Amino acid sequence: MVKRNANGQIEKGEILNPAGRPIGTRNFQTDFDEVVEEIAKANNITNSEARKILIKKAYGEAKDGNFQYYKDIVERVYGKVPDALTITGEIVSKVISVDE
């Protein structure tokens, strides 16, 4: 059983998946890079050009209402955009004069 604190957070040092990712499991980036390479070779273009075509396709899907298609590719390849951070409260500071 996983130990949790009073807030329900996992205690430091607890491991949720001790076996880790199964051997042979591939991540999205590896699969995406291979698909880009296959598309590039099949169309006699560079990997960069193939990547741009896929991004344009994703953009077109988003314009047509399938934003999830675009979001999935962009976030998996380039990372998720950070959420906005809202800070509330007061800033307390003390001004010190050099002449004192």
PDB file of N, CA and C in Angstrom:
ATOM      1  N   MET A   1       0.847  -1.184   0.000  1.00  0.00           N
ATOM      2  CA  MET A   1       0.000   0.000   0.000  1.00  0.00           C
ATOM      3  C   MET A   1       0.891   1.246   0.000  1.00  0.00           C
ATOM      4  N   VAL A   2       0.524   2.223  -0.772  1.00  0.00           N
ATOM      5  CA  VAL A   2       1.289   3.455  -0.902  1.00  0.00           C
ATOM      6  C   VAL A   2       0.976   4.367   0.276  1.00  0.00           C
ATOM      7  N   LYS A   3       2.033   4.898   0.904  1.00  0.00           N
ATOM      8  CA  LYS A   3       1.839   5.815   2.027  1.00  0.00           C
ATOM      9  C   LYS A   3       1.548   7.215   1.502  1.00  0.00           C
ATOM     10  N   ARG A   4       0.538   7.832   2.111  1.00  0.00           N
ATOM     11  CA  ARG A   4       0.155   9.194   1.736  1.00  0.00           C
ATOM     12  C   ARG A   4       0.087  10.055   2.981  1.00  0.00           C
ATOM     13  N   ASN A   5       0.302  11.373   2.792  1.00  0.00           N
ATOM     14  CA  ASN A   5       0.209  12.294   3.923  1.00  0.00           C
ATOM     15  C   ASN A   5      -1.244  12.706   4.141  1.00  0.00           C
ATOM     16  N   ALA A   6      -1.479  13.614   5.079  1.00  0.00           N
ATOM     17  CA  ALA A   6      -2.840  14.038   5.423  1.00  0.00           C
ATOM     18  C   ALA A   6      -3.564  14.693   4.241  1.00  0.00           C
ATOM     19  N   ASN A   7      -2.802  15.275   3.301  1.00  0.00           N
ATOM     20  CA  ASN A   7      -3.403  15.914   2.122  1.00  0.00           C
ATOM     21  C   ASN A   7      -3.623  14.938   0.973  1.00  0.00           C
ATOM     22  N   GLY A   8      -3.278  13.682   1.182  1.00  0.00           N
ATOM     23  CA  GLY A   8      -3.452  12.683   0.142  1.00  0.00           C
ATOM     24  C   GLY A   8      -2.293  12.591  -0.823  1.00  0.00           C
ATOM     25  N   GLN A   9      -1.229  13.361  -0.556  1.00  0.00           N
ATOM     26  CA  GLN A   9      -0.062  13.332  -1.431  1.00  0.00           C
ATOM     27  C   GLN A   9       0.805  12.128  -1.066  1.00  0.00           C
ATOM     28  N   ILE A  10       1.494  11.596  -2.056  1.00  0.00           N
ATOM     29  CA  ILE A  10       2.349  10.444  -1.837  1.00  0.00           C
ATOM     30  C   ILE A  10       3.556  10.864  -1.011  1.00  0.00           C
ATOM     31  N   GLU A  11       3.879  10.060  -0.015  1.00  0.00           N
ATOM     32  CA  GLU A  11       5.027  10.348   0.849  1.00  0.00           C
ATOM     33  C   GLU A  11       6.326  10.259   0.047  1.00  0.00           C
ATOM     34  N   LYS A  12       7.307  11.049   0.434  1.00  0.00           N
ATOM     35  CA  LYS A  12       8.603  11.050  -0.223  1.00  0.00           C
ATOM     36  C   LYS A  12       9.218   9.660  -0.122  1.00  0.00           C
ATOM     37  N   GLY A  13       9.753   9.179  -1.228  1.00  0.00           N
ATOM     38  CA  GLY A  13      10.404   7.873  -1.261  1.00  0.00           C
ATOM     39  C   GLY A  13       9.486   6.736  -1.683  1.00  0.00           C
ATOM     40  N   GLU A  14       8.184   6.975  -1.766  1.00  0.00           N
ATOM     41  CA  GLU A  14       7.247   5.933  -2.193  1.00  0.00           C
ATOM     42  C   GLU A  14       7.346   5.761  -3.709  1.00  0.00           C
ATOM     43  N   ILE A  15       7.257   4.546  -4.164  1.00  0.00           N
ATOM     44  CA  ILE A  15       7.346   4.251  -5.588  1.00  0.00           C
ATOM     45  C   ILE A  15       6.024   3.658  -6.049  1.00  0.00           C
ATOM     46  N   LEU A  16       5.406   4.282  -7.045  1.00  0.00           N
ATOM     47  CA  LEU A  16       4.119   3.804  -7.545  1.00  0.00           C
ATOM     48  C   LEU A  16       4.275   2.692  -8.576  1.00  0.00           C
ATOM     49  N   ASN A  17       5.344   2.719  -9.338  1.00  0.00           N
ATOM     50  CA  ASN A  17       5.544   1.728 -10.385  1.00  0.00           C
ATOM     51  C   ASN A  17       6.960   1.165 -10.260  1.00  0.00           C
ATOM     52  N   PRO A  18       7.179   0.268  -9.302  1.00  0.00           N
ATOM     53  CA  PRO A  18       8.541  -0.204  -9.044  1.00  0.00           C
ATOM     54  C   PRO A  18       9.168  -0.939 -10.233  1.00  0.00           C
ATOM     55  N   ALA A  19       8.357  -1.537 -11.092  1.00  0.00           N
ATOM     56  CA  ALA A  19       8.897  -2.256 -12.241  1.00  0.00           C
ATOM     57  C   ALA A  19       9.268  -1.314 -13.379  1.00  0.00           C
ATOM     58  N   GLY A  20       8.753  -0.085 -13.332  1.00  0.00           N
ATOM     59  CA  GLY A  20       9.037   0.880 -14.393  1.00  0.00           C
ATOM     60  C   GLY A  20       8.308   0.535 -15.674  1.00  0.00           C
ATOM     61  N   ARG A  21       8.679   1.197 -16.734  1.00  0.00           N
ATOM     62  CA  ARG A  21       8.070   0.951 -18.040  1.00  0.00           C
ATOM     63  C   ARG A  21       8.508  -0.435 -18.513  1.00  0.00           C
ATOM     64  N   PRO A  22       7.582  -1.223 -19.049  1.00  0.00           N
ATOM     65  CA  PRO A  22       7.956  -2.559 -19.528  1.00  0.00           C
ATOM     66  C   PRO A  22       9.031  -2.476 -20.610  1.00  0.00           C
ATOM     67  N   ILE A  23       9.932  -3.441 -20.603  1.00  0.00           N
ATOM     68  CA  ILE A  23      11.011  -3.486 -21.592  1.00  0.00           C
ATOM     69  C   ILE A  23      10.399  -3.579 -22.982  1.00  0.00           C
ATOM     70  N   GLY A  24      10.932  -2.781 -23.888  1.00  0.00           N
ATOM     71  CA  GLY A  24      10.454  -2.790 -25.262  1.00  0.00           C
ATOM     72  C   GLY A  24       9.361  -1.778 -25.543  1.00  0.00           C
ATOM     73  N   THR A  25       8.808  -1.171 -24.486  1.00  0.00           N
ATOM     74  CA  THR A  25       7.784  -0.155 -24.682  1.00  0.00           C
ATOM     75  C   THR A  25       8.447   1.100 -25.232  1.00  0.00           C
ATOM     76  N   ARG A  26       7.843   1.663 -26.250  1.00  0.00           N
ATOM     77  CA  ARG A  26       8.431   2.842 -26.884  1.00  0.00           C
ATOM     78  C   ARG A  26       7.618   4.076 -26.538  1.00  0.00           C
ATOM     79  N   ASN A  27       8.274   5.210 -26.514  1.00  0.00           N
ATOM     80  CA  ASN A  27       7.548   6.447 -26.232  1.00  0.00           C
ATOM     81  C   ASN A  27       7.066   7.084 -27.541  1.00  0.00           C
ATOM     82  N   PHE A  28       6.203   8.062 -27.403  1.00  0.00           N
ATOM     83  CA  PHE A  28       5.609   8.714 -28.571  1.00  0.00           C
ATOM     84  C   PHE A  28       6.671   9.356 -29.457  1.00  0.00           C
ATOM     85  N   GLN A  29       7.657   9.999 -28.853  1.00  0.00           N
ATOM     86  CA  GLN A  29       8.673  10.711 -29.630  1.00  0.00           C
ATOM     87  C   GLN A  29       9.410   9.763 -30.562  1.00  0.00           C
ATOM     88  N   THR A  30       9.761   8.576 -30.089  1.00  0.00           N
ATOM     89  CA  THR A  30      10.457   7.596 -30.923  1.00  0.00           C
ATOM     90  C   THR A  30       9.585   7.187 -32.102  1.00  0.00           C
ATOM     91  N   ASP A  31       8.317   6.865 -31.820  1.00  0.00           N
ATOM     92  CA  ASP A  31       7.401   6.481 -32.891  1.00  0.00           C
ATOM     93  C   ASP A  31       7.189   7.629 -33.879  1.00  0.00           C
ATOM     94  N   PHE A  32       7.016   8.833 -33.362  1.00  0.00           N
ATOM     95  CA  PHE A  32       6.789  10.005 -34.215  1.00  0.00           C
ATOM     96  C   PHE A  32       7.996  10.243 -35.125  1.00  0.00           C
ATOM     97  N   ASP A  33       9.200  10.157 -34.562  1.00  0.00           N
ATOM     98  CA  ASP A  33      10.409  10.374 -35.358  1.00  0.00           C
ATOM     99  C   ASP A  33      10.535   9.335 -36.471  1.00  0.00           C
ATOM    100  N   GLU A  34      10.178   8.074 -36.168  1.00  0.00           N
ATOM    101  CA  GLU A  34      10.246   7.036 -37.190  1.00  0.00           C
ATOM    102  C   GLU A  34       9.226   7.279 -38.304  1.00  0.00           C
ATOM    103  N   VAL A  35       8.019   7.703 -37.930  1.00  0.00           N
ATOM    104  CA  VAL A  35       6.992   7.997 -38.939  1.00  0.00           C
ATOM    105  C   VAL A  35       7.434   9.164 -39.820  1.00  0.00           C
ATOM    106  N   VAL A  36       8.007  10.184 -39.206  1.00  0.00           N
ATOM    107  CA  VAL A  36       8.508  11.330 -39.973  1.00  0.00           C
ATOM    108  C   VAL A  36       9.558  10.853 -40.976  1.00  0.00           C
ATOM    109  N   GLU A  37      10.455   9.994 -40.521  1.00  0.00           N
ATOM    110  CA  GLU A  37      11.506   9.485 -41.404  1.00  0.00           C
ATOM    111  C   GLU A  37      10.918   8.657 -42.553  1.00  0.00           C
ATOM    112  N   GLU A  38       9.927   7.818 -42.258  1.00  0.00           N
ATOM    113  CA  GLU A  38       9.279   7.009 -43.297  1.00  0.00           C
ATOM    114  C   GLU A  38       8.575   7.895 -44.321  1.00  0.00           C
ATOM    115  N   ILE A  39       7.859   8.916 -43.839  1.00  0.00           N
ATOM    116  CA  ILE A  39       7.175   9.842 -44.755  1.00  0.00           C
ATOM    117  C   ILE A  39       8.196  10.569 -45.621  1.00  0.00           C
ATOM    118  N   ALA A  40       9.302  10.992 -45.011  1.00  0.00           N
ATOM    119  CA  ALA A  40      10.335  11.711 -45.752  1.00  0.00           C
ATOM    120  C   ALA A  40      10.933  10.834 -46.855  1.00  0.00           C
ATOM    121  N   LYS A  41      11.266   9.596 -46.501  1.00  0.00           N
ATOM    122  CA  LYS A  41      11.858   8.692 -47.502  1.00  0.00           C
ATOM    123  C   LYS A  41      10.877   8.375 -48.624  1.00  0.00           C
ATOM    124  N   ALA A  42       9.617   8.118 -48.263  1.00  0.00           N
ATOM    125  CA  ALA A  42       8.609   7.760 -49.263  1.00  0.00           C
ATOM    126  C   ALA A  42       8.327   8.903 -50.234  1.00  0.00           C
ATOM    127  N   ASN A  43       8.522  10.134 -49.786  1.00  0.00           N
ATOM    128  CA  ASN A  43       8.225  11.305 -50.620  1.00  0.00           C
ATOM    129  C   ASN A  43       9.473  12.040 -51.089  1.00  0.00           C
ATOM    130  N   ASN A  44      10.643  11.460 -50.811  1.00  0.00           N
ATOM    131  CA  ASN A  44      11.918  12.037 -51.220  1.00  0.00           C
ATOM    132  C   ASN A  44      12.067  13.489 -50.739  1.00  0.00           C
ATOM    133  N   ILE A  45      11.763  13.690 -49.460  1.00  0.00           N
ATOM    134  CA  ILE A  45      11.909  15.008 -48.838  1.00  0.00           C
ATOM    135  C   ILE A  45      12.712  14.842 -47.550  1.00  0.00           C
ATOM    136  N   THR A  46      13.103  15.950 -46.961  1.00  0.00           N
ATOM    137  CA  THR A  46      13.855  15.870 -45.711  1.00  0.00           C
ATOM    138  C   THR A  46      12.916  15.601 -44.535  1.00  0.00           C
ATOM    139  N   ASN A  47      13.494  15.139 -43.424  1.00  0.00           N
ATOM    140  CA  ASN A  47      12.700  14.910 -42.211  1.00  0.00           C
ATOM    141  C   ASN A  47      12.040  16.205 -41.746  1.00  0.00           C
ATOM    142  N   SER A  48      12.756  17.310 -41.879  1.00  0.00           N
ATOM    143  CA  SER A  48      12.218  18.602 -41.468  1.00  0.00           C
ATOM    144  C   SER A  48      10.993  18.968 -42.292  1.00  0.00           C
ATOM    145  N   GLU A  49      11.059  18.726 -43.587  1.00  0.00           N
ATOM    146  CA  GLU A  49       9.912  19.019 -44.456  1.00  0.00           C
ATOM    147  C   GLU A  49       8.725  18.125 -44.107  1.00  0.00           C
ATOM    148  N   ALA A  50       8.981  16.854 -43.818  1.00  0.00           N
ATOM    149  CA  ALA A  50       7.911  15.924 -43.442  1.00  0.00           C
ATOM    150  C   ALA A  50       7.267  16.353 -42.128  1.00  0.00           C
ATOM    151  N   ARG A  51       8.093  16.788 -41.197  1.00  0.00           N
ATOM    152  CA  ARG A  51       7.590  17.264 -39.902  1.00  0.00           C
ATOM    153  C   ARG A  51       6.682  18.490 -40.108  1.00  0.00           C
ATOM    154  N   LYS A  52       7.109  19.399 -40.965  1.00  0.00           N
ATOM    155  CA  LYS A  52       6.302  20.596 -41.253  1.00  0.00           C
ATOM    156  C   LYS A  52       4.959  20.218 -41.881  1.00  0.00           C
ATOM    157  N   ILE A  53       4.975  19.220 -42.770  1.00  0.00           N
ATOM    158  CA  ILE A  53       3.727  18.767 -43.398  1.00  0.00           C
ATOM    159  C   ILE A  53       2.775  18.233 -42.334  1.00  0.00           C
ATOM    160  N   LEU A  54       3.296  17.444 -41.400  1.00  0.00           N
ATOM    161  CA  LEU A  54       2.450  16.897 -40.333  1.00  0.00           C
ATOM    162  C   LEU A  54       1.885  17.997 -39.441  1.00  0.00           C
ATOM    163  N   ILE A  55       2.703  18.998 -39.150  1.00  0.00           N
ATOM    164  CA  ILE A  55       2.227  20.117 -38.324  1.00  0.00           C
ATOM    165  C   ILE A  55       1.149  20.903 -39.080  1.00  0.00           C
ATOM    166  N   LYS A  56       1.343  21.099 -40.384  1.00  0.00           N
ATOM    167  CA  LYS A  56       0.327  21.795 -41.191  1.00  0.00           C
ATOM    168  C   LYS A  56      -0.976  20.989 -41.226  1.00  0.00           C
ATOM    169  N   LYS A  57      -0.860  19.676 -41.334  1.00  0.00           N
ATOM    170  CA  LYS A  57      -2.042  18.810 -41.316  1.00  0.00           C
ATOM    171  C   LYS A  57      -2.758  18.950 -39.970  1.00  0.00           C
ATOM    172  N   ALA A  58      -1.991  18.956 -38.907  1.00  0.00           N
ATOM    173  CA  ALA A  58      -2.577  19.106 -37.566  1.00  0.00           C
ATOM    174  C   ALA A  58      -3.266  20.457 -37.435  1.00  0.00           C
ATOM    175  N   TYR A  59      -2.646  21.493 -37.973  1.00  0.00           N
ATOM    176  CA  TYR A  59      -3.255  22.834 -37.944  1.00  0.00           C
ATOM    177  C   TYR A  59      -4.570  22.836 -38.722  1.00  0.00           C
ATOM    178  N   GLY A  60      -4.570  22.199 -39.891  1.00  0.00           N
ATOM    179  CA  GLY A  60      -5.790  22.110 -40.699  1.00  0.00           C
ATOM    180  C   GLY A  60      -6.905  21.378 -39.965  1.00  0.00           C
ATOM    181  N   GLU A  61      -6.533  20.302 -39.266  1.00  0.00           N
ATOM    182  CA  GLU A  61      -7.519  19.562 -38.470  1.00  0.00           C
ATOM    183  C   GLU A  61      -8.097  20.463 -37.379  1.00  0.00           C
ATOM    184  N   ALA A  62      -7.230  21.248 -36.743  1.00  0.00           N
ATOM    185  CA  ALA A  62      -7.693  22.146 -35.681  1.00  0.00           C
ATOM    186  C   ALA A  62      -8.654  23.189 -36.240  1.00  0.00           C
ATOM    187  N   LYS A  63      -8.336  23.734 -37.413  1.00  0.00           N
ATOM    188  CA  LYS A  63      -9.226  24.720 -38.047  1.00  0.00           C
ATOM    189  C   LYS A  63     -10.587  24.115 -38.360  1.00  0.00           C
ATOM    190  N   ASP A  64     -10.594  22.820 -38.663  1.00  0.00           N
ATOM    191  CA  ASP A  64     -11.846  22.138 -38.992  1.00  0.00           C
ATOM    192  C   ASP A  64     -12.579  21.624 -37.752  1.00  0.00           C
ATOM    193  N   GLY A  65     -12.073  21.979 -36.581  1.00  0.00           N
ATOM    194  CA  GLY A  65     -12.767  21.606 -35.347  1.00  0.00           C
ATOM    195  C   GLY A  65     -12.150  20.459 -34.574  1.00  0.00           C
ATOM    196  N   ASN A  66     -11.155  19.795 -35.138  1.00  0.00           N
ATOM    197  CA  ASN A  66     -10.509  18.689 -34.433  1.00  0.00           C
ATOM    198  C   ASN A  66      -9.249  19.196 -33.746  1.00  0.00           C
ATOM    199  N   PHE A  67      -9.441  20.048 -32.748  1.00  0.00           N
ATOM    200  CA  PHE A  67      -8.299  20.653 -32.063  1.00  0.00           C
ATOM    201  C   PHE A  67      -7.485  19.620 -31.305  1.00  0.00           C
ATOM    202  N   GLN A  68      -8.115  18.564 -30.828  1.00  0.00           N
ATOM    203  CA  GLN A  68      -7.407  17.550 -30.036  1.00  0.00           C
ATOM    204  C   GLN A  68      -6.283  16.909 -30.846  1.00  0.00           C
ATOM    205  N   TYR A  69      -6.499  16.706 -32.142  1.00  0.00           N
ATOM    206  CA  TYR A  69      -5.484  16.134 -33.032  1.00  0.00           C
ATOM    207  C   TYR A  69      -4.226  17.006 -33.007  1.00  0.00           C
ATOM    208  N   TYR A  70      -4.426  18.303 -33.167  1.00  0.00           N
ATOM    209  CA  TYR A  70      -3.314  19.269 -33.153  1.00  0.00           C
ATOM    210  C   TYR A  70      -2.649  19.300 -31.780  1.00  0.00           C
ATOM    211  N   LYS A  71      -3.474  19.408 -30.751  1.00  0.00           N
ATOM    212  CA  LYS A  71      -2.970  19.526 -29.381  1.00  0.00           C
ATOM    213  C   LYS A  71      -2.125  18.311 -28.999  1.00  0.00           C
ATOM    214  N   ASP A  72      -2.596  17.114 -29.346  1.00  0.00           N
ATOM    215  CA  ASP A  72      -1.858  15.899 -29.008  1.00  0.00           C
ATOM    216  C   ASP A  72      -0.478  15.880 -29.643  1.00  0.00           C
ATOM    217  N   ILE A  73      -0.419  16.192 -30.928  1.00  0.00           N
ATOM    218  CA  ILE A  73       0.884  16.160 -31.608  1.00  0.00           C
ATOM    219  C   ILE A  73       1.807  17.237 -31.065  1.00  0.00           C
ATOM    220  N   VAL A  74       1.331  18.449 -30.985  1.00  0.00           N
ATOM    221  CA  VAL A  74       2.185  19.557 -30.545  1.00  0.00           C
ATOM    222  C   VAL A  74       2.665  19.356 -29.113  1.00  0.00           C
ATOM    223  N   GLU A  75       1.787  18.963 -28.214  1.00  0.00           N
ATOM    224  CA  GLU A  75       2.190  18.796 -26.814  1.00  0.00           C
ATOM    225  C   GLU A  75       3.132  17.613 -26.638  1.00  0.00           C
ATOM    226  N   ARG A  76       2.928  16.559 -27.385  1.00  0.00           N
ATOM    227  CA  ARG A  76       3.806  15.393 -27.247  1.00  0.00           C
ATOM    228  C   ARG A  76       5.187  15.649 -27.849  1.00  0.00           C
ATOM    229  N   VAL A  77       5.246  16.433 -28.903  1.00  0.00           N
ATOM    230  CA  VAL A  77       6.528  16.695 -29.562  1.00  0.00           C
ATOM    231  C   VAL A  77       7.263  17.872 -28.922  1.00  0.00           C
ATOM    232  N   TYR A  78       6.545  18.960 -28.660  1.00  0.00           N
ATOM    233  CA  TYR A  78       7.191  20.183 -28.190  1.00  0.00           C
ATOM    234  C   TYR A  78       6.973  20.476 -26.706  1.00  0.00           C
ATOM    235  N   GLY A  79       6.127  19.696 -26.045  1.00  0.00           N
ATOM    236  CA  GLY A  79       5.861  19.917 -24.625  1.00  0.00           C
ATOM    237  C   GLY A  79       4.611  20.741 -24.404  1.00  0.00           C
ATOM    238  N   LYS A  80       4.021  20.530 -23.250  1.00  0.00           N
ATOM    239  CA  LYS A  80       2.787  21.221 -22.902  1.00  0.00           C
ATOM    240  C   LYS A  80       3.088  22.673 -22.519  1.00  0.00           C
ATOM    241  N   VAL A  81       2.220  23.562 -22.940  1.00  0.00           N
ATOM    242  CA  VAL A  81       2.345  24.968 -22.570  1.00  0.00           C
ATOM    243  C   VAL A  81       2.051  25.083 -21.073  1.00  0.00           C
ATOM    244  N   PRO A  82       2.900  25.783 -20.328  1.00  0.00           N
ATOM    245  CA  PRO A  82       2.653  25.908 -18.893  1.00  0.00           C
ATOM    246  C   PRO A  82       1.324  26.593 -18.602  1.00  0.00           C
ATOM    247  N   ASP A  83       0.668  26.125 -17.562  1.00  0.00           N
ATOM    248  CA  ASP A  83      -0.572  26.769 -17.121  1.00  0.00           C
ATOM    249  C   ASP A  83      -0.248  28.128 -16.515  1.00  0.00           C
ATOM    250  N   ALA A  84      -1.209  29.037 -16.584  1.00  0.00           N
ATOM    251  CA  ALA A  84      -1.018  30.357 -15.993  1.00  0.00           C
ATOM    252  C   ALA A  84      -0.932  30.219 -14.480  1.00  0.00           C
ATOM    253  N   LEU A  85      -0.119  31.005 -13.868  1.00  0.00           N
ATOM    254  CA  LEU A  85       0.063  30.987 -12.427  1.00  0.00           C
ATOM    255  C   LEU A  85      -0.487  32.284 -11.855  1.00  0.00           C
ATOM    256  N   THR A  86      -1.425  32.154 -10.955  1.00  0.00           N
ATOM    257  CA  THR A  86      -2.016  33.321 -10.318  1.00  0.00           C
ATOM    258  C   THR A  86      -1.525  33.387  -8.878  1.00  0.00           C
ATOM    259  N   ILE A  87      -0.968  34.508  -8.509  1.00  0.00           N
ATOM    260  CA  ILE A  87      -0.469  34.699  -7.148  1.00  0.00           C
ATOM    261  C   ILE A  87      -1.275  35.814  -6.510  1.00  0.00           C
ATOM    262  N   THR A  88      -1.776  35.528  -5.329  1.00  0.00           N
ATOM    263  CA  THR A  88      -2.545  36.551  -4.620  1.00  0.00           C
ATOM    264  C   THR A  88      -1.843  36.858  -3.304  1.00  0.00           C
ATOM    265  N   GLY A  89      -2.111  38.015  -2.777  1.00  0.00           N
ATOM    266  CA  GLY A  89      -1.505  38.415  -1.508  1.00  0.00           C
ATOM    267  C   GLY A  89      -0.827  39.760  -1.635  1.00  0.00           C
ATOM    268  N   GLU A  90      -0.046  40.070  -0.631  1.00  0.00           N
ATOM    269  CA  GLU A  90       0.660  41.350  -0.603  1.00  0.00           C
ATOM    270  C   GLU A  90       2.156  41.152  -0.755  1.00  0.00           C
ATOM    271  N   ILE A  91       2.802  42.148  -1.309  1.00  0.00           N
ATOM    272  CA  ILE A  91       4.262  42.168  -1.348  1.00  0.00           C
ATOM    273  C   ILE A  91       4.702  43.109  -0.234  1.00  0.00           C
ATOM    274  N   VAL A  92       5.484  42.583   0.664  1.00  0.00           N
ATOM    275  CA  VAL A  92       5.965  43.390   1.785  1.00  0.00           C
ATOM    276  C   VAL A  92       7.456  43.589   1.592  1.00  0.00           C
ATOM    277  N   SER A  93       7.871  44.835   1.604  1.00  0.00           N
ATOM    278  CA  SER A  93       9.297  45.116   1.453  1.00  0.00           C
ATOM    279  C   SER A  93       9.681  46.276   2.362  1.00  0.00           C
ATOM    280  N   LYS A  94      10.946  46.344   2.660  1.00  0.00           N
ATOM    281  CA  LYS A  94      11.454  47.416   3.494  1.00  0.00           C
ATOM    282  C   LYS A  94      12.515  48.152   2.687  1.00  0.00           C
ATOM    283  N   VAL A  95      12.380  49.449   2.609  1.00  0.00           N
ATOM    284  CA  VAL A  95      13.335  50.267   1.883  1.00  0.00           C
ATOM    285  C   VAL A  95      14.415  50.708   2.863  1.00  0.00           C
ATOM    286  N   ILE A  96      15.656  50.436   2.504  1.00  0.00           N
ATOM    287  CA  ILE A  96      16.767  50.817   3.360  1.00  0.00           C
ATOM    288  C   ILE A  96      17.544  51.933   2.672  1.00  0.00           C
ATOM    289  N   SER A  97      17.768  52.997   3.396  1.00  0.00           N
ATOM    290  CA  SER A  97      18.504  54.124   2.845  1.00  0.00           C
ATOM    291  C   SER A  97      20.001  53.900   3.068  1.00  0.00           C
ATOM    292  N   VAL A  98      20.796  54.222   2.065  1.00  0.00           N
ATOM    293  CA  VAL A  98      22.243  54.083   2.159  1.00  0.00           C
ATOM    294  C   VAL A  98      22.807  55.132   3.109  1.00  0.00           C
ATOM    295  N   ASP A  99      22.101  56.269   3.281  1.00  0.00           N
ATOM    296  CA  ASP A  99      22.578  57.358   4.119  1.00  0.00           C
ATOM    297  C   ASP A  99      22.453  57.057   5.604  1.00  0.00           C
ATOM    298  N   GLU A 100      21.703  56.057   5.986  1.00  0.00           N
ATOM    299  CA  GLU A 100      21.477  55.787   7.419  1.00  0.00           C
ATOM    300  C   GLU A 100      22.673  55.219   8.098  1.00  0.00           C
TER     301      GLU A 100
END
